[in-house]
Protein backbone atom coordinates (compact mmCIF):
# COMPACT_ATOMS: atom_id res chain seq x y z
CA MET A 1 -36.24 -11.61 -50.54
CA GLY A 2 -39.29 -13.14 -48.86
CA ARG A 3 -39.86 -14.12 -45.30
CA LEU A 4 -37.34 -16.53 -43.87
CA THR A 5 -38.35 -19.25 -41.45
CA VAL A 6 -36.16 -21.10 -38.96
CA ALA A 7 -35.62 -23.76 -41.64
CA ASP A 8 -33.81 -21.34 -43.97
CA GLY A 9 -30.05 -21.39 -43.88
CA LEU A 10 -27.16 -18.95 -43.66
CA ASP A 11 -24.48 -19.92 -46.13
CA LEU A 12 -20.81 -19.00 -46.38
CA SER A 13 -21.55 -15.86 -48.39
CA ALA A 14 -24.08 -14.61 -45.85
CA LEU A 15 -21.73 -15.17 -42.93
CA GLU A 16 -18.90 -13.43 -44.73
CA SER A 17 -21.23 -10.47 -45.31
CA TRP A 18 -21.86 -10.41 -41.55
CA ILE A 19 -18.15 -10.33 -40.78
CA ARG A 20 -17.54 -7.57 -43.29
CA GLU A 21 -20.43 -5.54 -41.87
CA PHE A 22 -19.03 -5.94 -38.36
CA ALA A 23 -15.67 -4.70 -39.63
CA ARG A 24 -17.38 -1.71 -41.22
CA LEU A 25 -19.28 -0.83 -38.04
CA VAL A 26 -16.11 -1.16 -35.92
CA ALA A 27 -14.25 1.17 -38.27
CA ASP A 28 -17.12 3.63 -38.26
CA ARG A 29 -17.42 3.60 -34.45
CA ARG A 30 -13.72 3.32 -33.71
CA ASP A 31 -13.47 6.73 -32.05
CA GLU A 32 -16.56 6.11 -29.94
CA LEU A 33 -15.19 2.80 -28.71
CA THR A 34 -11.87 4.46 -27.86
CA GLU A 35 -13.61 7.28 -26.02
CA LEU A 36 -15.62 4.83 -23.96
CA ASP A 37 -12.46 2.87 -23.16
CA SER A 38 -10.55 6.01 -22.25
CA ALA A 39 -12.98 6.51 -19.36
CA ILE A 40 -12.57 3.09 -17.74
CA GLY A 41 -9.84 1.24 -19.64
CA ASP A 42 -6.68 1.66 -21.66
CA ALA A 43 -8.22 3.85 -24.41
CA ASP A 44 -7.33 1.26 -27.05
CA HIS A 45 -10.48 -0.80 -27.62
CA GLY A 46 -11.48 1.05 -30.76
CA ALA A 47 -7.99 0.94 -32.31
CA ASN A 48 -7.48 -2.71 -31.35
CA MET A 49 -10.83 -3.87 -32.72
CA ASP A 50 -10.43 -1.85 -35.91
CA ARG A 51 -6.95 -3.23 -36.49
CA GLY A 52 -8.15 -6.75 -35.84
CA MET A 53 -11.19 -6.58 -38.10
CA SER A 54 -9.16 -4.95 -40.85
CA ALA A 55 -6.74 -7.88 -40.61
CA VAL A 56 -9.71 -10.26 -40.74
CA VAL A 57 -10.99 -8.75 -44.00
CA THR A 58 -7.50 -8.86 -45.50
CA ALA A 59 -7.16 -12.54 -44.52
CA LEU A 60 -10.53 -13.39 -46.05
CA GLU A 61 -9.50 -11.86 -49.33
CA ALA A 62 -6.08 -13.50 -49.31
CA THR A 63 -7.33 -16.96 -48.36
CA PRO A 64 -11.08 -17.35 -48.97
CA PRO A 65 -12.59 -19.92 -46.64
CA THR A 66 -14.53 -22.81 -48.08
CA ASP A 67 -17.30 -23.28 -45.52
CA PRO A 68 -18.85 -21.54 -42.49
CA ALA A 69 -16.72 -23.35 -39.90
CA ALA A 70 -13.53 -22.45 -41.79
CA LEU A 71 -14.63 -18.83 -42.03
CA LEU A 72 -15.33 -18.49 -38.32
CA LYS A 73 -12.11 -20.29 -37.41
CA GLN A 74 -10.10 -17.99 -39.66
CA VAL A 75 -11.73 -14.94 -38.09
CA GLY A 76 -11.04 -16.20 -34.60
CA MET A 77 -7.40 -17.10 -35.26
CA THR A 78 -6.77 -13.73 -36.92
CA LEU A 79 -8.22 -11.81 -33.98
CA VAL A 80 -6.19 -13.80 -31.46
CA SER A 81 -2.98 -13.04 -33.34
CA LYS A 82 -3.66 -9.41 -34.30
CA VAL A 83 -5.60 -7.81 -31.44
CA GLY A 84 -3.92 -6.73 -28.24
CA GLY A 85 -5.32 -6.58 -24.74
CA ALA A 86 -8.27 -8.68 -23.70
CA SER A 87 -10.28 -8.12 -26.88
CA GLY A 88 -8.24 -10.46 -29.09
CA PRO A 89 -8.50 -13.55 -26.89
CA LEU A 90 -12.13 -12.90 -26.04
CA TYR A 91 -13.42 -12.23 -29.53
CA GLY A 92 -11.11 -14.85 -30.97
CA THR A 93 -12.53 -17.41 -28.58
CA LEU A 94 -16.09 -16.35 -29.46
CA PHE A 95 -15.53 -17.02 -33.17
CA LEU A 96 -13.55 -20.22 -32.58
CA ARG A 97 -16.36 -21.63 -30.42
CA MET A 98 -18.91 -20.63 -33.05
CA ALA A 99 -16.84 -22.48 -35.63
CA GLY A 100 -17.18 -25.65 -33.59
CA VAL A 101 -20.95 -25.55 -34.00
CA ALA A 102 -21.26 -24.09 -37.52
CA GLY A 103 -20.16 -27.11 -39.51
CA ASP A 104 -19.56 -27.12 -43.25
CA GLY A 105 -23.10 -26.50 -44.51
CA THR A 106 -25.68 -23.78 -44.06
CA LEU A 107 -26.85 -22.64 -40.65
CA ASP A 108 -30.53 -22.46 -39.87
CA ALA A 109 -31.76 -20.13 -37.13
CA GLU A 110 -31.50 -22.84 -34.49
CA THR A 111 -27.90 -23.59 -35.41
CA TRP A 112 -27.06 -19.90 -35.49
CA ALA A 113 -28.49 -19.56 -31.96
CA ARG A 114 -26.47 -22.55 -30.74
CA ALA A 115 -23.34 -21.17 -32.35
CA LEU A 116 -23.70 -17.74 -30.78
CA ARG A 117 -24.42 -19.36 -27.40
CA ALA A 118 -21.26 -21.44 -27.76
CA GLY A 119 -19.37 -18.24 -28.49
CA LEU A 120 -20.79 -16.62 -25.37
CA ASP A 121 -19.87 -19.67 -23.29
CA GLY A 122 -16.31 -19.41 -24.64
CA VAL A 123 -16.11 -15.73 -23.67
CA VAL A 124 -17.37 -16.52 -20.17
CA ALA A 125 -14.86 -19.34 -19.77
CA ARG A 126 -11.97 -17.27 -21.08
CA GLY A 127 -12.74 -14.04 -19.23
CA LYS A 128 -14.31 -15.53 -16.08
CA ALA A 129 -17.00 -12.85 -16.30
CA GLU A 130 -20.61 -13.18 -15.21
CA PRO A 131 -23.69 -11.10 -15.95
CA GLY A 132 -23.48 -7.85 -14.06
CA ASP A 133 -19.65 -7.62 -14.14
CA LYS A 134 -19.83 -4.79 -16.73
CA THR A 135 -18.33 -6.60 -19.72
CA MET A 136 -19.30 -7.76 -23.19
CA VAL A 137 -21.17 -10.62 -21.50
CA ASP A 138 -23.81 -8.11 -20.44
CA ALA A 139 -24.72 -7.53 -24.09
CA LEU A 140 -24.10 -11.02 -25.50
CA GLY A 141 -26.01 -12.84 -22.76
CA PRO A 142 -29.31 -11.03 -23.35
CA ALA A 143 -28.74 -11.29 -27.12
CA CYS A 144 -28.45 -15.08 -26.86
CA ASP A 145 -31.46 -15.35 -24.53
CA ALA A 146 -33.64 -13.31 -26.88
CA LEU A 147 -32.45 -15.30 -29.87
CA ASP A 148 -33.17 -18.61 -28.17
CA ALA A 149 -36.66 -17.46 -27.17
CA ALA A 150 -37.47 -16.23 -30.68
CA VAL A 151 -36.29 -19.44 -32.33
CA ALA A 152 -38.28 -21.51 -29.82
CA GLU A 153 -41.38 -19.50 -30.78
CA GLY A 154 -40.82 -20.26 -34.46
CA ALA A 155 -40.07 -16.64 -35.34
CA SER A 156 -38.55 -15.81 -38.72
CA LEU A 157 -34.80 -15.50 -38.81
CA GLY A 158 -35.06 -11.77 -39.40
CA GLU A 159 -37.35 -11.29 -36.41
CA ALA A 160 -35.11 -13.43 -34.21
CA LEU A 161 -32.07 -11.38 -35.19
CA ARG A 162 -33.85 -8.11 -34.52
CA ARG A 163 -34.99 -9.24 -31.09
CA SER A 164 -31.46 -10.34 -30.34
CA ALA A 165 -30.06 -6.93 -31.33
CA ALA A 166 -32.61 -5.09 -29.24
CA ALA A 167 -31.72 -7.21 -26.22
CA ALA A 168 -28.02 -6.61 -26.78
CA ALA A 169 -28.57 -2.84 -26.90
CA GLN A 170 -30.58 -2.96 -23.71
CA GLY A 171 -27.82 -4.98 -22.06
CA ARG A 172 -25.18 -2.53 -23.29
CA ASP A 173 -27.12 0.42 -21.88
CA GLY A 174 -27.54 -1.48 -18.62
CA THR A 175 -23.77 -1.45 -18.07
CA VAL A 176 -23.76 2.31 -17.38
CA PRO A 177 -24.82 2.11 -13.70
CA MET A 178 -22.84 -1.07 -13.05
CA LEU A 179 -19.74 -1.34 -10.89
CA ALA A 180 -17.02 -3.01 -12.95
CA ARG A 181 -15.82 -6.28 -11.47
CA LYS A 182 -13.58 -7.55 -14.28
CA GLY A 183 -10.79 -6.18 -16.41
CA ARG A 184 -9.02 -2.87 -16.25
CA ALA A 185 -12.23 -1.04 -15.36
CA SER A 186 -12.46 -2.98 -12.10
CA TYR A 187 -9.38 -1.15 -10.82
CA LEU A 188 -11.40 2.05 -10.74
CA GLY A 189 -13.90 0.80 -8.20
CA GLU A 190 -16.81 3.25 -7.78
CA ARG A 191 -15.37 5.47 -10.51
CA SER A 192 -16.39 2.88 -13.07
CA VAL A 193 -20.04 3.61 -12.34
CA GLY A 194 -21.74 5.89 -14.85
CA HIS A 195 -19.78 4.76 -17.89
CA GLN A 196 -20.93 2.51 -20.72
CA ASP A 197 -18.76 -0.55 -21.15
CA PRO A 198 -16.78 -0.51 -24.42
CA GLY A 199 -16.79 -4.32 -24.72
CA ALA A 200 -20.55 -4.45 -24.41
CA THR A 201 -20.70 -1.72 -27.02
CA SER A 202 -18.61 -3.56 -29.59
CA ALA A 203 -20.51 -6.78 -28.84
CA THR A 204 -23.73 -4.97 -29.65
CA LEU A 205 -22.21 -3.90 -32.96
CA LEU A 206 -21.55 -7.57 -33.68
CA VAL A 207 -25.25 -8.39 -33.22
CA ASP A 208 -26.34 -5.28 -35.11
CA ALA A 209 -24.17 -6.40 -38.02
CA ALA A 210 -26.08 -9.67 -38.11
CA VAL A 211 -29.35 -7.79 -38.53
CA THR A 212 -28.00 -5.72 -41.39
CA ALA A 213 -26.28 -8.59 -43.19
CA LEU A 214 -28.50 -11.54 -42.43
CA ALA A 215 -32.06 -10.35 -41.79
CA PRO A 216 -34.17 -9.95 -44.92
CA ALA A 217 -36.29 -6.84 -45.21
CA GLY A 218 -39.67 -7.62 -43.76
CA GLY A 219 -38.62 -11.13 -42.79
């Protein structure tokens, strides 16, 4: 595939590939996510996310969506109903908010950026977390900022996605020295310092999956 520009679109098939790749990454990194959560949480993030994404894939196969908005809504509703703890409502809200922007056609890079930003805004509203609280927001926020900047510069979709993933990874790594101020980890106080946040880690996988599934080689 050649170089994509911001005018090129992501169709239903591409977005479904992204969801399936995210499910694959979550399954592959399930034990890592659980280990991270065992240090500062309930030790169930990996299991919960894997169960939820497995249910998502099953739902997609049982009832194939007809457009991007329907796909994202189905993913969000499945996660809300199948994932325990905070992860289900937060990730469910992210996908539901994305669905509200996606529409029924293809998404160009600008629309993708607006959709991901809407998802982030939904997570912030639902979880009441801010940057620096040691949550998934610390990965998603930088990912959205980098994506917005790349799109504004007229970067190719692939380049925009790669910049977004790099920013997410940097944000994830930045949670290690943070003092947790939200969620179960906040109960630990100073003991939460020195541990990578599991939510920021899974959020980075979400953005990494977009690079693998949506960014053309060399584009």
